[in-house]
Amino acid sequence: MAFLPRALLLLLLAEVCIQLSGAEEPDVTLFESTSNKGIDRCWCLNSLNRYVPKEEIEEFSIFPRRSNCDKVEIILTLKPVNNSPEGIQRCLSPETKQGINLQTCWKNKNINNSPTLKISSCFQIKP
């Protein structure tokens, strides 16, 4: 019985560490739901309003408006840097020119309803 409280404490501690590690860019906060119910509120607390070079983006996801989130959310997964094993996720404003272009690509290319789409399927990336 003592295992469950310790596991929850470790999970909470890990979540705090993850949140603090992204503290240098508070304008692109990404909320990750820990609920078993799926997405129960907005994931993007704030979004980037600037262009992100396509060469830095690995893939992206678009979440439509939902009952508990009244905005379209675009989540970019950036390519790993500095030998990190996985990319960082950032939110992009759907009202920016890049956000509008990604939404158009999503509608045209995501015919299999995949949860993510590679950026290379939308744009030709320079080597």
N, C-alpha and C. Protein backbone atom coordinates (compact mmCIF):
# COMPACT_ATOMS: atom_id res chain seq x y z
N MET A 1 0.81 -1.20 0.00
CA MET A 1 0.00 0.00 0.00
C MET A 1 0.85 1.26 0.00
N ALA A 2 2.06 1.19 0.54
CA ALA A 2 2.92 2.36 0.59
C ALA A 2 3.48 2.71 -0.78
N PHE A 3 3.44 1.77 -1.71
CA PHE A 3 3.98 1.99 -3.04
C PHE A 3 3.22 3.08 -3.80
N LEU A 4 1.89 3.05 -3.74
CA LEU A 4 1.07 4.00 -4.50
C LEU A 4 1.33 5.45 -4.12
N PRO A 5 1.35 5.83 -2.83
CA PRO A 5 1.66 7.23 -2.51
C PRO A 5 3.06 7.65 -2.96
N ARG A 6 4.02 6.75 -2.85
CA ARG A 6 5.37 7.08 -3.30
C ARG A 6 5.43 7.26 -4.80
N ALA A 7 4.73 6.40 -5.53
CA ALA A 7 4.71 6.51 -6.99
C ALA A 7 4.05 7.82 -7.42
N LEU A 8 2.96 8.18 -6.76
CA LEU A 8 2.29 9.44 -7.08
C LEU A 8 3.16 10.64 -6.74
N LEU A 9 3.88 10.56 -5.63
CA LEU A 9 4.79 11.63 -5.26
C LEU A 9 5.91 11.78 -6.28
N LEU A 10 6.48 10.66 -6.75
CA LEU A 10 7.51 10.71 -7.77
C LEU A 10 6.98 11.28 -9.08
N LEU A 11 5.77 10.90 -9.45
CA LEU A 11 5.15 11.42 -10.67
C LEU A 11 4.94 12.93 -10.56
N LEU A 12 4.47 13.38 -9.42
CA LEU A 12 4.27 14.80 -9.20
C LEU A 12 5.60 15.55 -9.24
N LEU A 13 6.62 15.00 -8.62
CA LEU A 13 7.95 15.60 -8.63
C LEU A 13 8.50 15.69 -10.05
N ALA A 14 8.31 14.63 -10.84
CA ALA A 14 8.77 14.63 -12.23
C ALA A 14 8.04 15.71 -13.03
N GLU A 15 6.75 15.87 -12.82
CA GLU A 15 5.97 16.89 -13.51
C GLU A 15 6.47 18.29 -13.17
N VAL A 16 6.77 18.53 -11.90
CA VAL A 16 7.29 19.83 -11.48
C VAL A 16 8.64 20.09 -12.15
N CYS A 17 9.51 19.09 -12.17
CA CYS A 17 10.82 19.25 -12.81
C CYS A 17 10.68 19.56 -14.30
N ILE A 18 9.78 18.89 -14.96
CA ILE A 18 9.55 19.12 -16.39
C ILE A 18 9.05 20.55 -16.61
N GLN A 19 8.12 20.98 -15.77
CA GLN A 19 7.59 22.34 -15.91
C GLN A 19 8.68 23.38 -15.65
N LEU A 20 9.52 23.14 -14.65
CA LEU A 20 10.57 24.09 -14.33
C LEU A 20 11.66 24.13 -15.40
N SER A 21 11.90 23.01 -16.06
CA SER A 21 12.94 22.99 -17.10
C SER A 21 12.56 23.83 -18.30
N GLY A 22 11.28 24.07 -18.53
CA GLY A 22 10.83 24.91 -19.64
C GLY A 22 10.54 26.33 -19.21
N ALA A 23 10.98 26.72 -18.01
CA ALA A 23 10.64 28.03 -17.46
C ALA A 23 11.26 29.19 -18.21
N GLU A 24 12.32 28.97 -19.00
CA GLU A 24 12.94 30.09 -19.68
C GLU A 24 12.11 30.62 -20.83
N GLU A 25 11.11 29.88 -21.29
CA GLU A 25 10.23 30.34 -22.36
C GLU A 25 8.77 30.22 -21.91
N PRO A 26 8.31 31.09 -20.98
CA PRO A 26 6.97 30.95 -20.45
C PRO A 26 5.87 31.22 -21.47
N ASP A 27 6.20 31.84 -22.61
CA ASP A 27 5.17 32.17 -23.59
C ASP A 27 4.77 30.99 -24.46
N VAL A 28 5.37 29.83 -24.27
CA VAL A 28 5.03 28.67 -25.10
C VAL A 28 4.70 27.46 -24.23
N THR A 29 4.07 27.69 -23.10
CA THR A 29 3.76 26.63 -22.16
C THR A 29 2.83 25.61 -22.79
N LEU A 30 3.16 24.37 -22.59
CA LEU A 30 2.33 23.27 -23.07
C LEU A 30 1.84 22.51 -21.87
N PHE A 31 0.53 22.44 -21.67
CA PHE A 31 -0.04 21.69 -20.57
C PHE A 31 -0.30 20.28 -21.02
N GLU A 32 0.20 19.30 -20.29
CA GLU A 32 -0.07 17.91 -20.61
C GLU A 32 -1.01 17.35 -19.57
N SER A 33 -2.16 16.89 -20.00
CA SER A 33 -3.16 16.37 -19.09
C SER A 33 -2.68 15.06 -18.47
N THR A 34 -2.85 14.94 -17.16
CA THR A 34 -2.49 13.69 -16.48
C THR A 34 -3.75 12.89 -16.19
N SER A 35 -4.86 13.34 -16.70
CA SER A 35 -6.13 12.66 -16.48
C SER A 35 -6.24 11.42 -17.36
N ASN A 36 -6.93 10.43 -16.90
CA ASN A 36 -7.18 9.23 -17.69
C ASN A 36 -8.32 9.45 -18.68
N LYS A 37 -8.97 10.59 -18.62
CA LYS A 37 -10.11 10.88 -19.47
C LYS A 37 -9.70 11.45 -20.81
N GLY A 38 -8.42 11.55 -21.08
CA GLY A 38 -7.96 12.14 -22.33
C GLY A 38 -7.78 13.63 -22.16
N ILE A 39 -7.99 14.38 -23.22
CA ILE A 39 -7.81 15.82 -23.16
C ILE A 39 -9.07 16.42 -22.55
N ASP A 40 -8.95 16.94 -21.32
CA ASP A 40 -10.13 17.48 -20.67
C ASP A 40 -10.10 19.00 -20.57
N ARG A 41 -9.05 19.63 -21.10
CA ARG A 41 -8.98 21.08 -21.18
C ARG A 41 -7.89 21.44 -22.18
N CYS A 42 -7.69 22.73 -22.37
CA CYS A 42 -6.69 23.16 -23.35
C CYS A 42 -5.29 22.70 -22.94
N TRP A 43 -4.51 22.27 -23.92
CA TRP A 43 -3.11 21.89 -23.68
C TRP A 43 -2.21 23.09 -23.75
N CYS A 44 -2.50 24.00 -24.64
CA CYS A 44 -1.64 25.17 -24.85
C CYS A 44 -2.15 26.33 -24.00
N LEU A 45 -1.39 26.65 -22.96
CA LEU A 45 -1.76 27.79 -22.14
C LEU A 45 -1.44 29.09 -22.86
N ASN A 46 -0.32 29.11 -23.54
CA ASN A 46 0.11 30.25 -24.36
C ASN A 46 0.77 29.68 -25.61
N SER A 47 0.78 30.45 -26.68
CA SER A 47 1.31 29.94 -27.95
C SER A 47 2.30 30.92 -28.55
N LEU A 48 3.21 30.36 -29.34
CA LEU A 48 4.16 31.18 -30.09
C LEU A 48 3.42 31.99 -31.14
N ASN A 49 3.78 33.24 -31.28
CA ASN A 49 3.22 34.09 -32.32
C ASN A 49 4.26 34.41 -33.38
N ARG A 50 5.36 33.68 -33.36
CA ARG A 50 6.44 33.93 -34.31
C ARG A 50 6.67 32.69 -35.17
N TYR A 51 7.32 32.90 -36.29
CA TYR A 51 7.63 31.83 -37.23
C TYR A 51 8.67 30.89 -36.63
N VAL A 52 8.45 29.61 -36.79
CA VAL A 52 9.42 28.59 -36.39
C VAL A 52 9.97 27.98 -37.68
N PRO A 53 11.30 28.04 -37.90
CA PRO A 53 11.85 27.49 -39.14
C PRO A 53 11.45 26.03 -39.34
N LYS A 54 11.02 25.73 -40.57
CA LYS A 54 10.57 24.36 -40.89
C LYS A 54 11.66 23.34 -40.61
N GLU A 55 12.91 23.73 -40.77
CA GLU A 55 14.03 22.81 -40.55
C GLU A 55 14.13 22.38 -39.08
N GLU A 56 13.54 23.15 -38.18
CA GLU A 56 13.58 22.82 -36.75
C GLU A 56 12.41 21.96 -36.31
N ILE A 57 11.39 21.82 -37.16
CA ILE A 57 10.18 21.08 -36.80
C ILE A 57 10.27 19.66 -37.34
N GLU A 58 9.99 18.69 -36.49
CA GLU A 58 9.96 17.29 -36.93
C GLU A 58 8.55 16.89 -37.35
N GLU A 59 7.59 17.18 -36.49
CA GLU A 59 6.20 16.84 -36.79
C GLU A 59 5.29 17.79 -36.02
N PHE A 60 4.00 17.71 -36.31
CA PHE A 60 3.05 18.56 -35.61
C PHE A 60 1.71 17.86 -35.47
N SER A 61 0.93 18.34 -34.52
CA SER A 61 -0.42 17.84 -34.29
C SER A 61 -1.36 19.03 -34.22
N ILE A 62 -2.58 18.82 -34.67
CA ILE A 62 -3.59 19.87 -34.57
C ILE A 62 -4.81 19.29 -33.86
N PHE A 63 -5.24 19.99 -32.83
CA PHE A 63 -6.40 19.58 -32.06
C PHE A 63 -7.50 20.61 -32.30
N PRO A 64 -8.66 20.17 -32.78
CA PRO A 64 -9.76 21.10 -33.03
C PRO A 64 -10.37 21.60 -31.72
N ARG A 65 -11.26 22.55 -31.84
CA ARG A 65 -12.01 23.01 -30.66
C ARG A 65 -12.75 21.82 -30.05
N ARG A 66 -12.80 21.82 -28.71
CA ARG A 66 -13.48 20.75 -27.99
C ARG A 66 -14.42 21.37 -26.96
N SER A 67 -15.18 20.54 -26.30
CA SER A 67 -16.14 21.06 -25.33
C SER A 67 -15.47 21.86 -24.21
N ASN A 68 -14.28 21.45 -23.79
CA ASN A 68 -13.60 22.14 -22.69
C ASN A 68 -12.43 23.00 -23.15
N CYS A 69 -12.28 23.19 -24.46
CA CYS A 69 -11.23 24.06 -24.99
C CYS A 69 -11.78 24.71 -26.26
N ASP A 70 -11.98 26.01 -26.20
CA ASP A 70 -12.66 26.69 -27.30
C ASP A 70 -11.72 27.23 -28.38
N LYS A 71 -10.51 26.69 -28.45
CA LYS A 71 -9.58 27.15 -29.48
C LYS A 71 -8.91 25.97 -30.17
N VAL A 72 -8.50 26.21 -31.42
CA VAL A 72 -7.71 25.23 -32.16
C VAL A 72 -6.30 25.27 -31.58
N GLU A 73 -5.69 24.09 -31.37
CA GLU A 73 -4.35 24.04 -30.81
C GLU A 73 -3.41 23.34 -31.79
N ILE A 74 -2.26 23.96 -32.03
CA ILE A 74 -1.23 23.38 -32.89
C ILE A 74 -0.02 23.11 -32.00
N ILE A 75 0.39 21.84 -31.93
CA ILE A 75 1.54 21.47 -31.12
C ILE A 75 2.65 20.99 -32.04
N LEU A 76 3.77 21.70 -32.00
CA LEU A 76 4.94 21.37 -32.80
C LEU A 76 5.87 20.49 -31.98
N THR A 77 6.41 19.46 -32.59
CA THR A 77 7.49 18.69 -31.97
C THR A 77 8.76 19.08 -32.72
N LEU A 78 9.67 19.73 -32.01
CA LEU A 78 10.90 20.20 -32.62
C LEU A 78 11.92 19.07 -32.67
N LYS A 79 12.83 19.15 -33.61
CA LYS A 79 13.88 18.14 -33.74
C LYS A 79 14.77 18.18 -32.52
N PRO A 80 15.26 17.02 -32.07
CA PRO A 80 16.15 17.00 -30.90
C PRO A 80 17.43 17.78 -31.15
N VAL A 81 17.91 18.44 -30.12
CA VAL A 81 19.17 19.18 -30.20
C VAL A 81 20.05 18.80 -29.02
N ASN A 82 21.34 19.03 -29.18
CA ASN A 82 22.32 18.78 -28.11
C ASN A 82 22.24 17.38 -27.54
N ASN A 83 22.15 16.38 -28.41
CA ASN A 83 22.14 14.97 -28.02
C ASN A 83 20.97 14.58 -27.11
N SER A 84 19.90 15.36 -27.11
CA SER A 84 18.73 14.96 -26.33
C SER A 84 17.99 13.85 -27.07
N PRO A 85 17.41 12.91 -26.35
CA PRO A 85 16.78 11.76 -27.00
C PRO A 85 15.48 12.09 -27.72
N GLU A 86 14.79 13.15 -27.31
CA GLU A 86 13.52 13.47 -27.95
C GLU A 86 13.37 14.97 -28.13
N GLY A 87 12.47 15.33 -29.02
CA GLY A 87 12.25 16.73 -29.31
C GLY A 87 11.40 17.42 -28.26
N ILE A 88 11.48 18.72 -28.27
CA ILE A 88 10.70 19.55 -27.36
C ILE A 88 9.40 19.92 -28.06
N GLN A 89 8.32 19.99 -27.30
CA GLN A 89 7.04 20.38 -27.88
C GLN A 89 6.75 21.83 -27.54
N ARG A 90 6.24 22.55 -28.54
CA ARG A 90 5.87 23.95 -28.38
C ARG A 90 4.52 24.17 -29.06
N CYS A 91 3.76 25.09 -28.52
CA CYS A 91 2.48 25.45 -29.11
C CYS A 91 2.66 26.61 -30.07
N LEU A 92 1.94 26.56 -31.18
CA LEU A 92 1.99 27.60 -32.19
C LEU A 92 0.58 28.19 -32.33
N SER A 93 0.50 29.49 -32.37
CA SER A 93 -0.79 30.15 -32.54
C SER A 93 -1.41 29.78 -33.88
N PRO A 94 -2.67 29.34 -33.89
CA PRO A 94 -3.32 28.98 -35.16
C PRO A 94 -3.64 30.19 -36.03
N GLU A 95 -3.54 31.40 -35.48
CA GLU A 95 -3.84 32.59 -36.25
C GLU A 95 -2.65 33.12 -37.04
N THR A 96 -1.45 32.63 -36.78
CA THR A 96 -0.28 33.10 -37.53
C THR A 96 -0.34 32.53 -38.95
N LYS A 97 0.43 33.14 -39.84
CA LYS A 97 0.48 32.66 -41.22
C LYS A 97 0.95 31.20 -41.25
N GLN A 98 1.97 30.88 -40.46
CA GLN A 98 2.47 29.50 -40.40
C GLN A 98 1.39 28.56 -39.83
N GLY A 99 0.67 29.02 -38.82
CA GLY A 99 -0.40 28.20 -38.24
C GLY A 99 -1.50 27.91 -39.25
N ILE A 100 -1.86 28.92 -40.03
CA ILE A 100 -2.88 28.74 -41.07
C ILE A 100 -2.39 27.77 -42.14
N ASN A 101 -1.11 27.90 -42.54
CA ASN A 101 -0.55 26.98 -43.54
C ASN A 101 -0.52 25.54 -43.01
N LEU A 102 -0.17 25.35 -41.75
CA LEU A 102 -0.15 23.99 -41.18
C LEU A 102 -1.55 23.40 -41.11
N GLN A 103 -2.54 24.23 -40.80
CA GLN A 103 -3.92 23.74 -40.76
C GLN A 103 -4.40 23.32 -42.15
N THR A 104 -4.03 24.09 -43.16
CA THR A 104 -4.38 23.74 -44.53
C THR A 104 -3.73 22.43 -44.93
N CYS A 105 -2.46 22.28 -44.62
CA CYS A 105 -1.75 21.04 -44.93
C CYS A 105 -2.40 19.87 -44.20
N TRP A 106 -2.74 20.06 -42.94
CA TRP A 106 -3.37 19.01 -42.11
C TRP A 106 -4.65 18.52 -42.79
N LYS A 107 -5.46 19.46 -43.25
CA LYS A 107 -6.74 19.10 -43.89
C LYS A 107 -6.51 18.34 -45.20
N ASN A 108 -5.47 18.73 -45.95
CA ASN A 108 -5.21 18.12 -47.25
C ASN A 108 -4.44 16.80 -47.17
N LYS A 109 -3.53 16.67 -46.23
CA LYS A 109 -2.62 15.52 -46.20
C LYS A 109 -2.97 14.46 -45.17
N ASN A 110 -3.68 14.81 -44.12
CA ASN A 110 -3.95 13.85 -43.05
C ASN A 110 -5.24 13.07 -43.32
N ILE A 111 -5.21 12.27 -44.38
CA ILE A 111 -6.40 11.52 -44.79
C ILE A 111 -6.64 10.29 -43.91
N ASN A 112 -5.61 9.82 -43.20
CA ASN A 112 -5.75 8.65 -42.33
C ASN A 112 -6.06 9.02 -40.89
N ASN A 113 -6.33 10.30 -40.63
CA ASN A 113 -6.60 10.79 -39.27
C ASN A 113 -5.50 10.41 -38.29
N SER A 114 -4.28 10.54 -38.71
CA SER A 114 -3.12 10.27 -37.87
C SER A 114 -3.05 11.33 -36.77
N PRO A 115 -2.57 10.98 -35.57
CA PRO A 115 -2.47 11.98 -34.50
C PRO A 115 -1.38 13.02 -34.76
N THR A 116 -0.38 12.67 -35.59
CA THR A 116 0.68 13.62 -35.93
C THR A 116 0.95 13.54 -37.42
N LEU A 117 1.60 14.58 -37.92
CA LEU A 117 1.95 14.63 -39.34
C LEU A 117 3.38 15.15 -39.43
N LYS A 118 4.20 14.49 -40.22
CA LYS A 118 5.58 14.93 -40.42
C LYS A 118 5.56 16.25 -41.20
N ILE A 119 6.41 17.16 -40.80
CA ILE A 119 6.48 18.45 -41.48
C ILE A 119 6.93 18.28 -42.93
N SER A 120 7.71 17.25 -43.20
CA SER A 120 8.20 17.01 -44.57
C SER A 120 7.06 16.63 -45.52
N SER A 121 5.94 16.18 -45.00
CA SER A 121 4.82 15.87 -45.89
C SER A 121 4.09 17.14 -46.34
N CYS A 122 4.38 18.24 -45.69
CA CYS A 122 3.74 19.51 -46.04
C CYS A 122 4.65 20.41 -46.85
N PHE A 123 5.93 20.39 -46.53
CA PHE A 123 6.86 21.32 -47.13
C PHE A 123 8.14 20.59 -47.50
N GLN A 124 8.77 21.05 -48.56
CA GLN A 124 10.06 20.47 -48.92
C GLN A 124 11.11 21.14 -48.03
N ILE A 125 11.82 20.33 -47.27
CA ILE A 125 12.80 20.84 -46.32
C ILE A 125 14.16 20.87 -47.00
N LYS A 126 14.84 22.00 -46.88
CA LYS A 126 16.19 22.13 -47.45
C LYS A 126 17.18 21.32 -46.62
N PRO A 127 18.11 20.60 -47.29
CA PRO A 127 19.09 19.80 -46.52
C PRO A 127 20.07 20.66 -45.75
